[in-house]
Amino acid sequence: MARLNRAAIFVSGLLLASTASSDTLTPYELLDRMNEAVRQLDYEGRFVVQTANRLDAMYIVHRVKQGTEKERVVWLTGQPREIIRSDEAVACRLPGRDTQINVGLRANGRSFSPLRGVSSSQLDASYQIEMLEPGRVAGRDSHQILIRPRDDLRYGYRLFVDQASALPLQSIMFDELQQAVSHMMFVELRVGHAITPIEHDLSAMQLAKADPDDHLSVERLTAPGWVFPELPPGFHLNVHRRKAVAGGAGERDHFIFSDGLATVSVYVQRADGDGGLSGVSRLGAAKAVGRRMGDQEVIAVGEVPTKTLYWFTQNIQAATR
């Protein structure tokens, strides 16, 4: 298959490039390689995530077979939780529930893991990027990249990228005061053939099956019922989809915006009787801002400053038919 051939060519080039020094590698080239590595390599490891005063240990296994990604993320601390992603859907196992929650395919096939990809071609407008001194994380030599925002509408990042595989080994997200908002770091990572074969774990993969009633491809083609006359600088609409809300409570519009690195989701749905979300709520490193607009509720969620979320909730209006 052409997709497999492209993946093989990429991996071969990655191995050759691993011997290159950071002096011959631009940060944009490195970010592009990281973006591909996150999606196309087989890897398995344990990492920690710190947000505010909370510290979680997690395990991930990611495999690619015949061009298809399969992934499993397991929480090793706190209540037992896990997320399984197949080519069909995403399933979540949560504490206190006898059955899993099938949430369908995530927009753009993005992973639920902290190993996020980026679009380096979009970053110049919103960020300044530079290479720093090399480092070492999880026993592996790494390049170091500083991504500094050009305004106060997004967070900055310091990334440590594995020199051998181009996978992100450590990521520090910081605010306008240079204070850490969240911190992810691998303590153990394996890449290549000796990876747990998740596709043979039927107890996990049978959960991630597509819902026959989920007409996602049709929903994405449905014209939005809402428009955003003015977006925050650098942000663009990536995905829109509309889906019926359980219990016959109308429909929910879901918009996903990105500046190439930061992502904001905006949900619009009929407000329930208790008034819904009002003001700011925190969801780990992410924040959520809610606003009541007539009989509709608008919620913006993302790992961005609060003022950015308010921008989205205040700059939305019904589309003209």
C-alpha atoms as a PDB file:
ATOM      1  CA  MET A   1       0.000   0.000   0.000  1.00  0.00           C
ATOM      2  CA  ALA A   2       1.159   3.537  -0.773  1.00  0.00           C
ATOM      3  CA  ARG A   3       0.538   4.596   2.806  1.00  0.00           C
ATOM      4  CA  LEU A   4       2.737   1.808   4.127  1.00  0.00           C
ATOM      5  CA  ASN A   5       5.470   2.694   1.651  1.00  0.00           C
ATOM      6  CA  ARG A   6       5.386   6.302   2.796  1.00  0.00           C
ATOM      7  CA  ALA A   7       5.630   5.165   6.416  1.00  0.00           C
ATOM      8  CA  ALA A   8       8.588   2.907   5.611  1.00  0.00           C
ATOM      9  CA  ILE A   9      10.357   5.728   3.783  1.00  0.00           C
ATOM     10  CA  PHE A  10       9.702   8.053   6.709  1.00  0.00           C
ATOM     11  CA  VAL A  11      11.085   5.607   9.288  1.00  0.00           C
ATOM     12  CA  SER A  12      14.176   4.963   7.172  1.00  0.00           C
ATOM     13  CA  GLY A  13      14.775   8.679   6.867  1.00  0.00           C
ATOM     14  CA  LEU A  14      14.225   9.075  10.588  1.00  0.00           C
ATOM     15  CA  LEU A  15      16.956   6.562  11.391  1.00  0.00           C
ATOM     16  CA  LEU A  16      19.395   8.305   9.065  1.00  0.00           C
ATOM     17  CA  ALA A  17      18.496  11.691  10.494  1.00  0.00           C
ATOM     18  CA  SER A  18      19.069  10.544  14.064  1.00  0.00           C
ATOM     19  CA  THR A  19      22.813  10.896  13.540  1.00  0.00           C
ATOM     20  CA  ALA A  20      22.491  14.542  12.540  1.00  0.00           C
ATOM     21  CA  SER A  21      23.379  17.186  15.104  1.00  0.00           C
ATOM     22  CA  SER A  22      20.932  19.822  16.261  1.00  0.00           C
ATOM     23  CA  ASP A  23      23.071  22.395  14.418  1.00  0.00           C
ATOM     24  CA  THR A  24      21.949  20.950  11.054  1.00  0.00           C
ATOM     25  CA  LEU A  25      18.295  20.523  12.029  1.00  0.00           C
ATOM     26  CA  THR A  26      15.847  23.417  12.088  1.00  0.00           C
ATOM     27  CA  PRO A  27      13.132  23.455  14.772  1.00  0.00           C
ATOM     28  CA  TYR A  28      10.486  23.309  12.045  1.00  0.00           C
ATOM     29  CA  GLU A  29      12.010  20.165  10.535  1.00  0.00           C
ATOM     30  CA  LEU A  30      12.168  18.615  13.991  1.00  0.00           C
ATOM     31  CA  LEU A  31       8.536  19.471  14.741  1.00  0.00           C
ATOM     32  CA  ASP A  32       7.468  17.926  11.427  1.00  0.00           C
ATOM     33  CA  ARG A  33       9.366  14.736  12.289  1.00  0.00           C
ATOM     34  CA  MET A  34       7.805  14.690  15.748  1.00  0.00           C
ATOM     35  CA  ASN A  35       4.349  15.060  14.220  1.00  0.00           C
ATOM     36  CA  GLU A  36       4.945  12.032  11.978  1.00  0.00           C
ATOM     37  CA  ALA A  37       6.614   9.956  14.707  1.00  0.00           C
ATOM     38  CA  VAL A  38       3.675  10.349  17.100  1.00  0.00           C
ATOM     39  CA  ARG A  39       1.308   8.908  14.483  1.00  0.00           C
ATOM     40  CA  GLN A  40       3.458   6.394  12.585  1.00  0.00           C
ATOM     41  CA  LEU A  41       5.840   4.706  15.028  1.00  0.00           C
ATOM     42  CA  ASP A  42       5.282   1.773  17.380  1.00  0.00           C
ATOM     43  CA  TYR A  43       6.095   2.808  20.948  1.00  0.00           C
ATOM     44  CA  GLU A  44       5.312   1.883  24.536  1.00  0.00           C
ATOM     45  CA  GLY A  45       6.196   3.564  27.804  1.00  0.00           C
ATOM     46  CA  ARG A  46       5.346   5.088  31.145  1.00  0.00           C
ATOM     47  CA  PHE A  47       5.119   8.800  31.808  1.00  0.00           C
ATOM     48  CA  VAL A  48       4.021  11.258  34.480  1.00  0.00           C
ATOM     49  CA  VAL A  49       1.758  14.276  34.052  1.00  0.00           C
ATOM     50  CA  GLN A  50       1.665  17.115  36.572  1.00  0.00           C
ATOM     51  CA  THR A  51      -1.078  19.732  36.543  1.00  0.00           C
ATOM     52  CA  ALA A  52      -1.261  22.184  39.448  1.00  0.00           C
ATOM     53  CA  ASN A  53      -0.946  19.989  42.562  1.00  0.00           C
ATOM     54  CA  ARG A  54      -1.978  16.760  40.853  1.00  0.00           C
ATOM     55  CA  LEU A  55       0.528  14.166  39.671  1.00  0.00           C
ATOM     56  CA  ASP A  56      -0.549  11.156  37.602  1.00  0.00           C
ATOM     57  CA  ALA A  57       1.434   8.207  36.310  1.00  0.00           C
ATOM     58  CA  MET A  58       0.256   6.702  33.026  1.00  0.00           C
ATOM     59  CA  TYR A  59       1.078   3.964  30.542  1.00  0.00           C
ATOM     60  CA  ILE A  60       0.702   4.098  26.751  1.00  0.00           C
ATOM     61  CA  VAL A  61       1.095   1.600  23.945  1.00  0.00           C
ATOM     62  CA  HIS A  62       0.762   2.755  20.333  1.00  0.00           C
ATOM     63  CA  ARG A  63       1.004   0.511  17.290  1.00  0.00           C
ATOM     64  CA  VAL A  64       0.537   0.955  13.567  1.00  0.00           C
ATOM     65  CA  LYS A  65      -0.533  -2.058  11.522  1.00  0.00           C
ATOM     66  CA  GLN A  66      -1.244  -1.853   7.801  1.00  0.00           C
ATOM     67  CA  GLY A  67      -1.359   1.913   8.079  1.00  0.00           C
ATOM     68  CA  THR A  68      -3.907   1.908  10.932  1.00  0.00           C
ATOM     69  CA  GLU A  69      -3.235   3.331  14.408  1.00  0.00           C
ATOM     70  CA  LYS A  70      -4.210   1.481  17.576  1.00  0.00           C
ATOM     71  CA  GLU A  71      -3.610   2.971  20.998  1.00  0.00           C
ATOM     72  CA  ARG A  72      -4.228   2.321  24.662  1.00  0.00           C
ATOM     73  CA  VAL A  73      -3.700   4.788  27.528  1.00  0.00           C
ATOM     74  CA  VAL A  74      -3.979   3.530  31.129  1.00  0.00           C
ATOM     75  CA  TRP A  75      -3.906   5.558  34.355  1.00  0.00           C
ATOM     76  CA  LEU A  76      -1.563   3.940  36.901  1.00  0.00           C
ATOM     77  CA  THR A  77      -2.570   6.210  39.783  1.00  0.00           C
ATOM     78  CA  GLY A  78      -5.952   7.106  41.256  1.00  0.00           C
ATOM     79  CA  GLN A  79      -9.116   5.362  40.096  1.00  0.00           C
ATOM     80  CA  PRO A  80      -8.642   2.794  37.288  1.00  0.00           C
ATOM     81  CA  ARG A  81      -9.239   4.444  33.929  1.00  0.00           C
ATOM     82  CA  GLU A  82      -8.219   3.716  30.375  1.00  0.00           C
ATOM     83  CA  ILE A  83      -8.837   4.855  26.812  1.00  0.00           C
ATOM     84  CA  ILE A  84      -8.641   2.514  23.818  1.00  0.00           C
ATOM     85  CA  ARG A  85      -8.472   3.854  20.266  1.00  0.00           C
ATOM     86  CA  SER A  86      -8.867   1.729  17.149  1.00  0.00           C
ATOM     87  CA  ASP A  87      -9.394   2.580  13.492  1.00  0.00           C
ATOM     88  CA  GLU A  88     -13.143   2.490  14.140  1.00  0.00           C
ATOM     89  CA  ALA A  89     -13.764   4.364  17.369  1.00  0.00           C
ATOM     90  CA  VAL A  90     -12.561   5.387  20.810  1.00  0.00           C
ATOM     91  CA  ALA A  91     -13.770   3.716  24.021  1.00  0.00           C
ATOM     92  CA  CYS A  92     -13.315   4.897  27.613  1.00  0.00           C
ATOM     93  CA  ARG A  93     -13.371   2.740  30.724  1.00  0.00           C
ATOM     94  CA  LEU A  94     -14.188   4.799  33.810  1.00  0.00           C
ATOM     95  CA  PRO A  95     -14.489   3.896  37.507  1.00  0.00           C
ATOM     96  CA  GLY A  96     -17.965   3.147  38.805  1.00  0.00           C
ATOM     97  CA  ARG A  97     -19.328   2.101  35.401  1.00  0.00           C
ATOM     98  CA  ASP A  98     -20.110  -1.450  34.346  1.00  0.00           C
ATOM     99  CA  THR A  99     -19.887  -0.590  30.662  1.00  0.00           C
ATOM    100  CA  GLN A 100     -17.497   1.474  28.605  1.00  0.00           C
ATOM    101  CA  ILE A 101     -18.301   4.805  26.986  1.00  0.00           C
ATOM    102  CA  ASN A 102     -17.896   4.772  23.219  1.00  0.00           C
ATOM    103  CA  VAL A 103     -17.157   8.314  22.083  1.00  0.00           C
ATOM    104  CA  GLY A 104     -16.646   7.647  18.379  1.00  0.00           C
ATOM    105  CA  LEU A 105     -13.651   8.689  16.358  1.00  0.00           C
ATOM    106  CA  ARG A 106     -11.904  11.790  17.606  1.00  0.00           C
ATOM    107  CA  ALA A 107     -11.729  14.656  15.107  1.00  0.00           C
ATOM    108  CA  ASN A 108      -8.781  14.374  12.732  1.00  0.00           C
ATOM    109  CA  GLY A 109      -7.869  11.018  14.282  1.00  0.00           C
ATOM    110  CA  ARG A 110      -5.983  12.767  17.056  1.00  0.00           C
ATOM    111  CA  SER A 111      -4.689  10.800  19.989  1.00  0.00           C
ATOM    112  CA  PHE A 112      -5.949  11.174  23.543  1.00  0.00           C
ATOM    113  CA  SER A 113      -2.361  10.775  24.757  1.00  0.00           C
ATOM    114  CA  PRO A 114      -0.124  13.740  25.693  1.00  0.00           C
ATOM    115  CA  LEU A 115       2.045  13.062  22.623  1.00  0.00           C
ATOM    116  CA  ARG A 116       0.507  15.725  20.462  1.00  0.00           C
ATOM    117  CA  GLY A 117       1.375  16.525  16.894  1.00  0.00           C
ATOM    118  CA  VAL A 118       1.814  20.039  15.577  1.00  0.00           C
ATOM    119  CA  SER A 119       1.473  21.846  12.267  1.00  0.00           C
ATOM    120  CA  SER A 120       4.771  23.704  11.961  1.00  0.00           C
ATOM    121  CA  SER A 121       3.636  25.573   8.840  1.00  0.00           C
ATOM    122  CA  GLN A 122       1.003  27.432  10.912  1.00  0.00           C
ATOM    123  CA  LEU A 123       3.170  28.345  13.892  1.00  0.00           C
ATOM    124  CA  ASP A 124       5.114  31.359  12.619  1.00  0.00           C
ATOM    125  CA  ALA A 125       2.128  33.691  12.827  1.00  0.00           C
ATOM    126  CA  SER A 126       1.573  32.997  16.529  1.00  0.00           C
ATOM    127  CA  TYR A 127       4.860  31.702  17.971  1.00  0.00           C
ATOM    128  CA  GLN A 128       8.606  32.287  18.003  1.00  0.00           C
ATOM    129  CA  ILE A 129      10.539  29.007  17.801  1.00  0.00           C
ATOM    130  CA  GLU A 130      14.177  28.306  18.574  1.00  0.00           C
ATOM    131  CA  MET A 131      16.481  25.399  19.354  1.00  0.00           C
ATOM    132  CA  LEU A 132      18.056  25.285  22.826  1.00  0.00           C
ATOM    133  CA  GLU A 133      20.857  23.162  24.231  1.00  0.00           C
ATOM    134  CA  PRO A 134      20.308  19.367  23.919  1.00  0.00           C
ATOM    135  CA  GLY A 135      19.074  17.496  26.984  1.00  0.00           C
ATOM    136  CA  ARG A 136      18.488  13.984  28.286  1.00  0.00           C
ATOM    137  CA  VAL A 137      15.142  12.473  29.318  1.00  0.00           C
ATOM    138  CA  ALA A 138      14.293   8.870  30.253  1.00  0.00           C
ATOM    139  CA  GLY A 139      17.903   7.915  29.523  1.00  0.00           C
ATOM    140  CA  ARG A 140      17.627   9.173  25.941  1.00  0.00           C
ATOM    141  CA  ASP A 141      19.450  12.070  24.268  1.00  0.00           C
ATOM    142  CA  SER A 142      17.043  14.761  23.130  1.00  0.00           C
ATOM    143  CA  HIS A 143      16.804  17.975  21.149  1.00  0.00           C
ATOM    144  CA  GLN A 144      15.251  20.906  23.003  1.00  0.00           C
ATOM    145  CA  ILE A 145      12.821  23.367  21.404  1.00  0.00           C
ATOM    146  CA  LEU A 146      11.400  26.565  22.879  1.00  0.00           C
ATOM    147  CA  ILE A 147       8.036  27.687  21.481  1.00  0.00           C
ATOM    148  CA  ARG A 148       7.241  31.175  22.747  1.00  0.00           C
ATOM    149  CA  PRO A 149       3.837  32.796  22.001  1.00  0.00           C
ATOM    150  CA  ARG A 150       3.771  36.185  20.297  1.00  0.00           C
ATOM    151  CA  ASP A 151       0.740  37.322  22.352  1.00  0.00           C
ATOM    152  CA  ASP A 152      -1.174  36.451  25.511  1.00  0.00           C
ATOM    153  CA  LEU A 153      -3.856  34.388  23.749  1.00  0.00           C
ATOM    154  CA  ARG A 154      -1.972  31.072  23.957  1.00  0.00           C
ATOM    155  CA  TYR A 155       0.554  29.243  26.116  1.00  0.00           C
ATOM    156  CA  GLY A 156       4.206  28.576  25.398  1.00  0.00           C
ATOM    157  CA  TYR A 157       5.994  25.213  25.314  1.00  0.00           C
ATOM    158  CA  ARG A 158       9.405  23.754  25.973  1.00  0.00           C
ATOM    159  CA  LEU A 159       9.816  20.388  24.270  1.00  0.00           C
ATOM    160  CA  PHE A 160      12.446  17.688  24.566  1.00  0.00           C
ATOM    161  CA  VAL A 161      12.358  15.529  21.425  1.00  0.00           C
ATOM    162  CA  ASP A 162      14.105  12.163  21.231  1.00  0.00           C
ATOM    163  CA  GLN A 163      17.092  12.332  18.894  1.00  0.00           C
ATOM    164  CA  ALA A 164      16.668   8.701  17.846  1.00  0.00           C
ATOM    165  CA  SER A 165      12.896   8.481  17.233  1.00  0.00           C
ATOM    166  CA  ALA A 166      11.683  12.124  17.169  1.00  0.00           C
ATOM    167  CA  LEU A 167       9.053  11.284  19.815  1.00  0.00           C
ATOM    168  CA  PRO A 168       8.391  13.997  22.442  1.00  0.00           C
ATOM    169  CA  LEU A 169       9.975  12.869  25.710  1.00  0.00           C
ATOM    170  CA  GLN A 170       9.090  15.890  27.816  1.00  0.00           C
ATOM    171  CA  SER A 171       6.701  18.806  27.389  1.00  0.00           C
ATOM    172  CA  ILE A 172       6.356  21.840  29.644  1.00  0.00           C
ATOM    173  CA  MET A 173       3.469  24.218  28.969  1.00  0.00           C
ATOM    174  CA  PHE A 174       3.906  27.672  30.522  1.00  0.00           C
ATOM    175  CA  ASP A 175       1.771  30.803  30.840  1.00  0.00           C
ATOM    176  CA  GLU A 176       2.513  34.488  30.230  1.00  0.00           C
ATOM    177  CA  LEU A 177       4.310  34.675  33.610  1.00  0.00           C
ATOM    178  CA  GLN A 178       6.573  31.765  32.613  1.00  0.00           C
ATOM    179  CA  GLN A 179       4.886  29.598  35.228  1.00  0.00           C
ATOM    180  CA  ALA A 180       4.353  25.927  34.375  1.00  0.00           C
ATOM    181  CA  VAL A 181       0.712  25.101  33.596  1.00  0.00           C
ATOM    182  CA  SER A 182       1.358  21.399  32.988  1.00  0.00           C
ATOM    183  CA  HIS A 183       4.345  19.103  32.711  1.00  0.00           C
ATOM    184  CA  MET A 184       4.578  15.731  30.929  1.00  0.00           C
ATOM    185  CA  MET A 185       7.689  13.551  31.092  1.00  0.00           C
ATOM    186  CA  PHE A 186       8.468   9.973  30.085  1.00  0.00           C
ATOM    187  CA  VAL A 187      10.358   7.892  32.604  1.00  0.00           C
ATOM    188  CA  GLU A 188      10.512   4.838  30.339  1.00  0.00           C
ATOM    189  CA  LEU A 189      10.095   4.507  26.574  1.00  0.00           C
ATOM    190  CA  ARG A 190      10.528   1.690  24.068  1.00  0.00           C
ATOM    191  CA  VAL A 191      10.332   2.160  20.319  1.00  0.00           C
ATOM    192  CA  GLY A 192      10.263  -0.456  17.575  1.00  0.00           C
ATOM    193  CA  HIS A 193       9.462  -4.146  17.407  1.00  0.00           C
ATOM    194  CA  ALA A 194       9.350  -5.193  21.084  1.00  0.00           C
ATOM    195  CA  ILE A 195       6.010  -3.489  21.708  1.00  0.00           C
ATOM    196  CA  THR A 196       2.956  -5.056  23.331  1.00  0.00           C
ATOM    197  CA  PRO A 197       0.660  -6.264  20.488  1.00  0.00           C
ATOM    198  CA  ILE A 198      -2.461  -4.327  21.419  1.00  0.00           C
ATOM    199  CA  GLU A 199      -4.318  -5.520  18.305  1.00  0.00           C
ATOM    200  CA  HIS A 200      -4.345  -9.023  19.836  1.00  0.00           C
ATOM    201  CA  ASP A 201      -5.858  -7.775  23.098  1.00  0.00           C
ATOM    202  CA  LEU A 202      -9.493  -8.467  22.263  1.00  0.00           C
ATOM    203  CA  SER A 203     -10.694  -7.391  25.692  1.00  0.00           C
ATOM    204  CA  ALA A 204      -9.544  -3.891  24.807  1.00  0.00           C
ATOM    205  CA  MET A 205     -10.005  -3.662  21.060  1.00  0.00           C
ATOM    206  CA  GLN A 206     -13.522  -5.127  21.057  1.00  0.00           C
ATOM    207  CA  LEU A 207     -14.585  -2.085  23.050  1.00  0.00           C
ATOM    208  CA  ALA A 208     -13.503   0.372  20.368  1.00  0.00           C
ATOM    209  CA  LYS A 209     -16.111  -0.486  17.773  1.00  0.00           C
ATOM    210  CA  ALA A 210     -18.036   2.016  15.716  1.00  0.00           C
ATOM    211  CA  ASP A 211     -21.603   2.777  16.740  1.00  0.00           C
ATOM    212  CA  PRO A 212     -23.817   1.870  13.741  1.00  0.00           C
ATOM    213  CA  ASP A 213     -26.000   4.879  14.570  1.00  0.00           C
ATOM    214  CA  ASP A 214     -23.057   7.289  14.454  1.00  0.00           C
ATOM    215  CA  HIS A 215     -23.310   9.137  11.124  1.00  0.00           C
ATOM    216  CA  LEU A 216     -20.212  11.239  11.729  1.00  0.00           C
ATOM    217  CA  SER A 217     -19.224  11.558   8.085  1.00  0.00           C
ATOM    218  CA  VAL A 218     -22.633  13.028   7.263  1.00  0.00           C
ATOM    219  CA  GLU A 219     -22.633  15.337  10.275  1.00  0.00           C
ATOM    220  CA  ARG A 220     -19.329  16.893   9.273  1.00  0.00           C
ATOM    221  CA  LEU A 221     -20.856  17.939   5.964  1.00  0.00           C
ATOM    222  CA  THR A 222     -23.837  19.593   7.629  1.00  0.00           C
ATOM    223  CA  ALA A 223     -23.723  23.398   7.426  1.00  0.00           C
ATOM    224  CA  PRO A 224     -23.054  24.966  10.846  1.00  0.00           C
ATOM    225  CA  GLY A 225     -25.957  26.687  12.544  1.00  0.00           C
ATOM    226  CA  TRP A 226     -23.509  29.145  14.120  1.00  0.00           C
ATOM    227  CA  VAL A 227     -20.727  31.390  12.856  1.00  0.00           C
ATOM    228  CA  PHE A 228     -17.785  33.234  14.437  1.00  0.00           C
ATOM    229  CA  PRO A 229     -17.466  36.716  12.853  1.00  0.00           C
ATOM    230  CA  GLU A 230     -14.052  37.308  14.414  1.00  0.00           C
ATOM    231  CA  LEU A 231     -11.645  34.589  15.548  1.00  0.00           C
ATOM    232  CA  PRO A 232      -8.643  35.116  17.839  1.00  0.00           C
ATOM    233  CA  PRO A 233      -5.531  35.859  15.715  1.00  0.00           C
ATOM    234  CA  GLY A 234      -3.906  32.698  14.371  1.00  0.00           C
ATOM    235  CA  PHE A 235      -6.866  30.370  15.012  1.00  0.00           C
ATOM    236  CA  HIS A 236      -8.675  28.616  12.170  1.00  0.00           C
ATOM    237  CA  LEU A 237     -11.645  26.254  12.047  1.00  0.00           C
ATOM    238  CA  ASN A 238     -10.467  22.671  11.557  1.00  0.00           C
ATOM    239  CA  VAL A 239     -13.629  20.618  12.064  1.00  0.00           C
ATOM    240  CA  HIS A 240     -17.352  21.135  12.528  1.00  0.00           C
ATOM    241  CA  ARG A 241     -19.824  18.387  13.302  1.00  0.00           C
ATOM    242  CA  ARG A 242     -23.405  18.167  14.516  1.00  0.00           C
ATOM    243  CA  LYS A 243     -24.898  15.329  16.479  1.00  0.00           C
ATOM    244  CA  ALA A 244     -28.173  14.547  18.202  1.00  0.00           C
ATOM    245  CA  VAL A 245     -28.077  14.821  21.992  1.00  0.00           C
ATOM    246  CA  ALA A 246     -29.126  11.734  23.943  1.00  0.00           C
ATOM    247  CA  GLY A 247     -32.687  11.725  25.211  1.00  0.00           C
ATOM    248  CA  GLY A 248     -34.069  13.781  22.351  1.00  0.00           C
ATOM    249  CA  ALA A 249     -32.721  17.066  23.754  1.00  0.00           C
ATOM    250  CA  GLY A 250     -32.004  18.568  20.369  1.00  0.00           C
ATOM    251  CA  GLU A 251     -28.634  18.754  18.612  1.00  0.00           C
ATOM    252  CA  ARG A 252     -25.111  19.748  19.594  1.00  0.00           C
ATOM    253  CA  ASP A 253     -22.746  21.671  17.322  1.00  0.00           C
ATOM    254  CA  HIS A 254     -19.056  20.984  17.926  1.00  0.00           C
ATOM    255  CA  PHE A 255     -16.377  23.265  16.466  1.00  0.00           C
ATOM    256  CA  ILE A 256     -12.630  22.597  16.714  1.00  0.00           C
ATOM    257  CA  PHE A 257     -10.242  25.510  16.188  1.00  0.00           C
ATOM    258  CA  SER A 258      -6.434  25.400  16.123  1.00  0.00           C
ATOM    259  CA  ASP A 259      -3.456  27.688  15.612  1.00  0.00           C
ATOM    260  CA  GLY A 260      -1.265  24.724  14.666  1.00  0.00           C
ATOM    261  CA  LEU A 261      -0.469  23.870  18.291  1.00  0.00           C
ATOM    262  CA  ALA A 262      -3.188  25.045  20.676  1.00  0.00           C
ATOM    263  CA  THR A 263      -6.703  23.622  20.186  1.00  0.00           C
ATOM    264  CA  VAL A 264     -10.060  24.989  21.337  1.00  0.00           C
ATOM    265  CA  SER A 265     -13.359  23.106  21.198  1.00  0.00           C
ATOM    266  CA  VAL A 266     -16.624  25.049  21.188  1.00  0.00           C
ATOM    267  CA  TYR A 267     -19.935  23.293  21.914  1.00  0.00           C
ATOM    268  CA  VAL A 268     -23.378  24.806  21.283  1.00  0.00           C
ATOM    269  CA  GLN A 269     -26.497  23.038  22.506  1.00  0.00           C
ATOM    270  CA  ARG A 270     -29.859  23.636  24.114  1.00  0.00           C
ATOM    271  CA  ALA A 271     -29.410  24.799  27.710  1.00  0.00           C
ATOM    272  CA  ASP A 272     -30.827  22.552  30.393  1.00  0.00           C
ATOM    273  CA  GLY A 273     -32.981  23.629  33.297  1.00  0.00           C
ATOM    274  CA  ASP A 274     -30.182  24.285  35.788  1.00  0.00           C
ATOM    275  CA  GLY A 275     -28.603  27.007  33.660  1.00  0.00           C
ATOM    276  CA  GLY A 276     -25.610  24.956  32.551  1.00  0.00           C
ATOM    277  CA  LEU A 277     -21.980  25.985  32.910  1.00  0.00           C
ATOM    278  CA  SER A 278     -21.428  29.634  33.813  1.00  0.00           C
ATOM    279  CA  GLY A 279     -18.081  31.325  34.233  1.00  0.00           C
ATOM    280  CA  VAL A 280     -14.772  29.426  34.313  1.00  0.00           C
ATOM    281  CA  SER A 281     -14.162  25.797  35.267  1.00  0.00           C
ATOM    282  CA  ARG A 282     -10.863  23.910  35.328  1.00  0.00           C
ATOM    283  CA  LEU A 283     -10.372  20.465  33.833  1.00  0.00           C
ATOM    284  CA  GLY A 284      -6.753  19.644  34.630  1.00  0.00           C
ATOM    285  CA  ALA A 285      -4.569  21.818  32.402  1.00  0.00           C
ATOM    286  CA  ALA A 286      -7.629  22.763  30.355  1.00  0.00           C
ATOM    287  CA  LYS A 287     -10.204  25.396  31.204  1.00  0.00           C
ATOM    288  CA  ALA A 288     -13.850  25.675  30.234  1.00  0.00           C
ATOM    289  CA  VAL A 289     -15.889  28.856  29.853  1.00  0.00           C
ATOM    290  CA  GLY A 290     -19.670  28.755  29.574  1.00  0.00           C
ATOM    291  CA  ARG A 291     -22.223  31.303  28.436  1.00  0.00           C
ATOM    292  CA  ARG A 292     -26.018  31.234  28.222  1.00  0.00           C
ATOM    293  CA  MET A 293     -27.332  32.679  24.922  1.00  0.00           C
ATOM    294  CA  GLY A 294     -31.114  32.638  24.874  1.00  0.00           C
ATOM    295  CA  ASP A 295     -32.187  29.014  25.083  1.00  0.00           C
ATOM    296  CA  GLN A 296     -28.720  27.866  23.958  1.00  0.00           C
ATOM    297  CA  GLU A 297     -25.559  27.154  25.915  1.00  0.00           C
ATOM    298  CA  VAL A 298     -22.076  27.883  24.523  1.00  0.00           C
ATOM    299  CA  ILE A 299     -19.046  26.171  26.084  1.00  0.00           C
ATOM    300  CA  ALA A 300     -15.428  26.713  25.017  1.00  0.00           C
ATOM    301  CA  VAL A 301     -12.772  24.260  26.249  1.00  0.00           C
ATOM    302  CA  GLY A 302      -9.033  24.261  25.705  1.00  0.00           C
ATOM    303  CA  GLU A 303      -5.510  24.464  27.125  1.00  0.00           C
ATOM    304  CA  VAL A 304      -5.312  28.205  26.485  1.00  0.00           C
ATOM    305  CA  PRO A 305      -5.632  31.369  28.612  1.00  0.00           C
ATOM    306  CA  THR A 306      -9.094  32.217  29.892  1.00  0.00           C
ATOM    307  CA  LYS A 307      -9.334  35.365  27.740  1.00  0.00           C
ATOM    308  CA  THR A 308      -9.040  33.218  24.602  1.00  0.00           C
ATOM    309  CA  LEU A 309     -11.982  31.064  25.652  1.00  0.00           C
ATOM    310  CA  TYR A 310     -14.046  34.181  26.428  1.00  0.00           C
ATOM    311  CA  TRP A 311     -13.209  35.473  22.947  1.00  0.00           C
ATOM    312  CA  PHE A 312     -14.837  32.395  21.391  1.00  0.00           C
ATOM    313  CA  THR A 313     -17.950  32.471  23.589  1.00  0.00           C
ATOM    314  CA  GLN A 314     -18.498  36.185  22.998  1.00  0.00           C
ATOM    315  CA  ASN A 315     -17.910  36.126  19.225  1.00  0.00           C
ATOM    316  CA  ILE A 316     -20.555  33.672  18.074  1.00  0.00           C
ATOM    317  CA  GLN A 317     -23.905  34.251  16.423  1.00  0.00           C
ATOM    318  CA  ALA A 318     -26.607  32.303  14.640  1.00  0.00           C
ATOM    319  CA  ALA A 319     -25.934  31.695  10.955  1.00  0.00           C
ATOM    320  CA  THR A 320     -28.236  33.366   8.495  1.00  0.00           C
ATOM    321  CA  ARG A 321     -30.215  30.928   6.363  1.00  0.00           C
END
